[in-house]
Amino acid sequence: MSIHVLVVDDQSLVRAGFRTILDSEDGIEVVGEASDGAAAIAQVAALEPDVVCMDVQMPGMDGLEATRRITADATTTAAVLVLTTFNREDYLFEALEAGASGFLLKNSSPEQLIEAVQVVARGDALLSPDVTRRVIEAVASRGGRMPGAGAVAATAAAVTSASESGASASSKAAAPDSERPELATLTDREREVLEFLAEGISNAEIAQRMWVGEATVKTHVSKVLMKLGLRDRVHAVVYAYEHGVVRPGS
């Protein structure tokens, strides 16, 4: 069954380029296009895509507000992959808070775009490796707080399933946060998985460290997200740092 994609960008040539790349891949079909955030919301309702490739800066309603509205709509299951030429932290953190399942720079390769769509379509989340490092570094530099992370902390947790960044965040566990009783519902194995997620490593790497299969890791990740009430992996590192699961620089 094909992954249905909606491409949203105010530049027609950019939309055409993304369509050409994605339609060339077996199992992916671009079912529609939109030139601004308001049109994107209407197209999501009409076409029910699996993935929305969303530009940030557009006239009228921008991509961040459109993402916020799409992910807040309980009637849609579309995952939003934010694509931008602007390698800026404010866009990154706003996209995460808006509920985006992935963040990719437009100068990424066609292969990376295809992989990103496939990753978010299957319910995982993705940030490019350099972006993952910046999330971890930004949170660590602020003593475990992400700029503007209030909404994120309340609703989701984050990190890429596809990142091979090798980011140097510590996975040493801290004492449980007494104000977060849901942490106490995690088994030791699930707690360990959450710590690994905070490092920004892939399922394959987690499986190697835990000496288990990737299918087992996926099961643990799903249970962690469910028990903690989190949307997806895009915010796991934020949750882990904010609630003392890992400590910056420890």
Protein backbone atom coordinates (compact mmCIF):
# COMPACT_ATOMS: atom_id res chain seq x y z
CA MET A 1 0.00 0.00 0.00
CA SER A 2 1.41 3.38 -1.01
CA ILE A 3 2.28 6.18 1.38
CA HIS A 4 0.11 9.14 0.41
CA VAL A 5 1.92 12.49 0.62
CA LEU A 6 0.74 16.09 0.53
CA VAL A 7 3.43 18.62 -0.52
CA VAL A 8 3.05 22.13 0.91
CA ASP A 9 5.27 24.98 -0.33
CA ASP A 10 4.57 28.44 -1.71
CA GLN A 11 7.01 27.90 -4.61
CA SER A 12 5.59 25.83 -7.46
CA LEU A 13 9.03 24.73 -8.66
CA VAL A 14 9.88 23.40 -5.21
CA ARG A 15 6.62 21.49 -5.06
CA ALA A 16 7.29 20.05 -8.50
CA GLY A 17 10.77 18.97 -7.45
CA PHE A 18 9.52 17.21 -4.32
CA ARG A 19 6.75 15.54 -6.33
CA THR A 20 9.24 14.23 -8.88
CA ILE A 21 11.53 12.83 -6.19
CA LEU A 22 8.78 11.20 -4.14
CA ASP A 23 6.76 9.82 -7.06
CA SER A 24 9.91 8.14 -8.37
CA GLU A 25 9.98 5.89 -5.30
CA ASP A 26 7.89 2.73 -5.31
CA GLY A 27 5.41 2.82 -2.45
CA ILE A 28 5.12 6.61 -2.29
CA GLU A 29 2.46 8.67 -4.07
CA VAL A 30 2.01 12.45 -3.97
CA VAL A 31 -1.75 12.90 -3.81
CA GLY A 32 -1.89 16.69 -3.64
CA GLU A 33 -0.18 20.04 -3.27
CA ALA A 34 -0.87 23.26 -1.37
CA SER A 35 0.74 26.70 -1.51
CA ASP A 36 -0.02 27.93 2.03
CA GLY A 37 -1.02 26.71 5.47
CA ALA A 38 -4.76 27.28 5.11
CA ALA A 39 -4.87 25.33 1.85
CA ALA A 40 -2.82 22.56 3.49
CA ILE A 41 -5.38 22.15 6.27
CA ALA A 42 -8.18 21.90 3.69
CA GLN A 43 -6.22 19.38 1.62
CA VAL A 44 -5.48 17.23 4.65
CA ALA A 45 -9.20 17.04 5.39
CA ALA A 46 -10.06 16.25 1.77
CA LEU A 47 -7.24 13.87 0.83
CA GLU A 48 -6.36 12.23 4.18
CA PRO A 49 -2.63 11.92 3.41
CA ASP A 50 -0.29 9.83 5.54
CA VAL A 51 2.48 12.44 5.47
CA VAL A 52 2.48 16.21 4.95
CA CYS A 53 5.76 17.71 3.70
CA MET A 54 5.42 21.20 5.16
CA ASP A 55 7.35 24.38 4.32
CA VAL A 56 7.82 26.88 7.16
CA GLN A 57 7.70 30.36 5.63
CA MET A 58 4.64 30.92 3.43
CA PRO A 59 2.28 33.85 2.86
CA GLY A 60 -0.89 33.90 4.92
CA MET A 61 -0.82 31.03 7.40
CA ASP A 62 2.73 29.74 7.82
CA GLY A 63 3.77 26.11 8.09
CA LEU A 64 4.20 26.14 11.86
CA GLU A 65 0.64 27.28 12.52
CA ALA A 66 -0.70 24.83 9.93
CA THR A 67 1.26 22.03 11.61
CA ARG A 68 -0.14 23.03 14.99
CA ARG A 69 -3.71 22.85 13.69
CA ILE A 70 -3.24 19.62 11.77
CA THR A 71 -1.70 17.74 14.68
CA ALA A 72 -4.32 19.09 17.10
CA ASP A 73 -7.13 17.69 14.93
CA ALA A 74 -8.17 14.35 16.39
CA THR A 75 -9.83 13.36 13.12
CA THR A 76 -6.55 13.18 11.17
CA THR A 77 -3.63 10.80 11.53
CA ALA A 78 -1.35 12.66 9.11
CA ALA A 79 2.26 13.02 10.23
CA VAL A 80 3.96 16.32 9.45
CA LEU A 81 7.51 16.46 8.10
CA VAL A 82 8.78 20.04 8.25
CA LEU A 83 11.10 20.99 5.38
CA THR A 84 12.96 24.28 5.47
CA THR A 85 16.00 26.10 4.14
CA PHE A 86 16.36 27.89 7.45
CA ASN A 87 18.70 26.04 9.80
CA ARG A 88 17.49 27.97 12.83
CA GLU A 89 16.83 26.74 16.35
CA ASP A 90 13.67 28.80 16.75
CA TYR A 91 12.05 27.09 13.78
CA LEU A 92 13.20 23.71 15.03
CA PHE A 93 11.78 24.11 18.53
CA GLU A 94 8.56 25.68 17.28
CA ALA A 95 8.11 22.77 14.86
CA LEU A 96 8.61 20.28 17.69
CA GLU A 97 6.14 22.11 19.90
CA ALA A 98 3.65 22.25 17.02
CA GLY A 99 3.68 18.45 16.91
CA ALA A 100 5.82 17.81 13.83
CA SER A 101 7.10 14.25 13.48
CA GLY A 102 10.22 15.25 11.58
CA PHE A 103 12.41 18.19 10.62
CA LEU A 104 14.60 18.10 7.52
CA LEU A 105 16.59 20.78 5.72
CA LYS A 106 15.76 21.33 2.05
CA ASN A 107 19.40 20.85 1.10
CA SER A 108 19.15 17.21 2.17
CA SER A 109 19.59 14.61 -0.55
CA PRO A 110 16.65 13.04 -2.43
CA GLU A 111 17.44 9.79 -0.66
CA GLN A 112 17.17 11.49 2.74
CA LEU A 113 13.81 13.00 1.79
CA ILE A 114 12.44 9.62 0.72
CA GLU A 115 13.72 7.99 3.91
CA ALA A 116 12.24 10.76 6.04
CA VAL A 117 8.80 10.29 4.50
CA GLN A 118 9.01 6.54 5.06
CA VAL A 119 10.13 6.97 8.66
CA VAL A 120 7.36 9.35 9.73
CA ALA A 121 4.76 7.37 7.77
CA ARG A 122 5.40 4.28 9.87
CA GLY A 123 4.84 6.21 13.07
CA ASP A 124 8.43 6.96 14.02
CA ALA A 125 9.95 10.41 14.00
CA LEU A 126 12.98 11.90 12.37
CA LEU A 127 15.38 14.78 12.69
CA SER A 128 18.46 15.05 10.53
CA PRO A 129 21.60 14.08 12.51
CA ASP A 130 22.89 17.65 12.81
CA VAL A 131 19.49 18.80 14.05
CA THR A 132 19.40 16.01 16.64
CA ARG A 133 22.75 17.16 18.00
CA ARG A 134 21.47 20.72 18.24
CA VAL A 135 18.41 19.63 20.21
CA ILE A 136 20.56 17.75 22.71
CA GLU A 137 23.13 20.55 22.97
CA ALA A 138 20.47 23.24 23.38
CA VAL A 139 18.67 21.32 26.11
CA ALA A 140 21.93 20.52 27.87
CA SER A 141 23.14 24.14 27.71
CA ARG A 142 19.95 25.28 29.41
CA GLY A 143 20.24 22.87 32.29
CA GLY A 144 17.71 20.42 30.92
CA ARG A 145 15.18 22.95 29.63
CA MET A 146 14.36 23.48 25.99
CA PRO A 147 13.50 27.04 24.87
CA GLY A 148 9.74 27.31 24.73
CA ALA A 149 9.37 23.70 25.79
CA GLY A 150 6.41 24.08 28.11
CA ALA A 151 3.90 22.66 25.67
CA VAL A 152 6.30 19.99 24.53
CA ALA A 153 6.97 18.77 28.04
CA ALA A 154 3.28 18.48 28.70
CA THR A 155 2.43 16.51 25.57
CA ALA A 156 5.38 14.79 23.92
CA ALA A 157 8.96 13.54 24.00
CA ALA A 158 11.61 13.47 21.27
CA VAL A 159 14.43 12.12 19.27
CA THR A 160 15.07 10.64 15.85
CA SER A 161 14.77 6.93 15.18
CA ALA A 162 16.93 7.33 12.13
CA SER A 163 19.71 9.48 13.58
CA GLU A 164 23.23 8.16 13.39
CA SER A 165 24.58 11.35 14.90
CA GLY A 166 26.58 9.84 17.73
CA ALA A 167 25.55 12.77 19.88
CA SER A 168 27.30 12.84 23.20
CA ALA A 169 24.41 13.02 25.64
CA SER A 170 24.82 10.99 28.81
CA SER A 171 22.56 7.99 29.41
CA LYS A 172 23.24 7.77 33.13
CA ALA A 173 19.97 7.67 35.00
CA ALA A 174 19.14 10.23 37.63
CA ALA A 175 16.78 9.78 40.53
CA PRO A 176 13.14 9.55 39.43
CA ASP A 177 11.26 12.84 39.28
CA SER A 178 8.81 12.64 42.17
CA GLU A 179 6.45 14.99 40.35
CA ARG A 180 6.21 12.59 37.41
CA PRO A 181 4.48 9.45 38.71
CA GLU A 182 4.20 8.05 35.19
CA LEU A 183 7.97 7.42 35.27
CA ALA A 184 7.38 4.91 38.05
CA THR A 185 5.21 2.86 35.68
CA LEU A 186 8.21 2.08 33.46
CA THR A 187 9.96 -1.24 33.87
CA ASP A 188 13.75 -1.25 34.24
CA ARG A 189 14.06 -2.21 30.56
CA GLU A 190 11.73 0.59 29.47
CA ARG A 191 13.63 3.09 31.58
CA GLU A 192 16.84 1.94 29.90
CA VAL A 193 15.27 2.42 26.48
CA LEU A 194 14.19 5.95 27.40
CA GLU A 195 17.79 6.73 28.40
CA PHE A 196 19.02 5.44 25.05
CA LEU A 197 16.43 7.51 23.21
CA ALA A 198 17.84 10.57 24.96
CA GLU A 199 21.20 9.83 23.34
CA GLY A 200 19.71 10.17 19.87
CA ILE A 201 20.60 6.66 18.73
CA SER A 202 18.67 4.42 16.35
CA ASN A 203 16.67 1.29 17.13
CA ALA A 204 19.44 -0.81 15.59
CA GLU A 205 22.03 0.73 17.93
CA ILE A 206 19.76 0.27 20.94
CA ALA A 207 19.26 -3.37 19.97
CA GLN A 208 23.03 -3.90 19.86
CA ARG A 209 23.56 -2.34 23.27
CA MET A 210 20.72 -4.29 24.86
CA TRP A 211 21.51 -7.56 23.08
CA VAL A 212 17.97 -7.91 21.77
CA GLY A 213 16.25 -7.76 18.38
CA GLU A 214 14.98 -4.55 16.79
CA ALA A 215 11.41 -5.80 17.06
CA THR A 216 11.84 -6.01 20.84
CA VAL A 217 13.21 -2.47 20.92
CA LYS A 218 10.23 -1.18 18.92
CA THR A 219 7.90 -2.83 21.43
CA HIS A 220 9.72 -1.20 24.34
CA VAL A 221 9.66 2.22 22.62
CA SER A 222 5.92 1.94 21.99
CA LYS A 223 5.28 1.08 25.63
CA VAL A 224 7.44 3.97 26.85
CA LEU A 225 5.56 6.47 24.69
CA MET A 226 2.20 5.04 25.73
CA LYS A 227 2.96 5.03 29.45
CA LEU A 228 4.38 8.55 29.39
CA GLY A 229 1.53 9.86 27.24
CA LEU A 230 3.88 11.03 24.51
CA ARG A 231 3.04 11.65 20.87
CA ASP A 232 6.17 10.20 19.28
CA ARG A 233 9.96 9.97 19.51
CA VAL A 234 10.56 13.49 18.23
CA HIS A 235 10.52 14.83 21.78
CA ALA A 236 11.97 11.98 23.91
CA VAL A 237 15.25 13.73 24.59
CA VAL A 238 13.38 16.79 25.85
CA TYR A 239 11.28 14.78 28.27
CA ALA A 240 14.30 12.82 29.50
CA TYR A 241 16.30 15.96 30.26
CA GLU A 242 13.43 17.96 31.69
CA HIS A 243 12.44 15.25 34.15
CA GLY A 244 15.86 14.15 35.33
CA VAL A 245 16.05 10.83 33.49
CA VAL A 246 19.44 12.01 32.23
CA ARG A 247 21.52 15.00 33.33
CA PRO A 248 23.24 17.48 31.00
CA GLY A 249 26.98 16.94 31.00
CA SER A 250 26.85 14.12 33.56
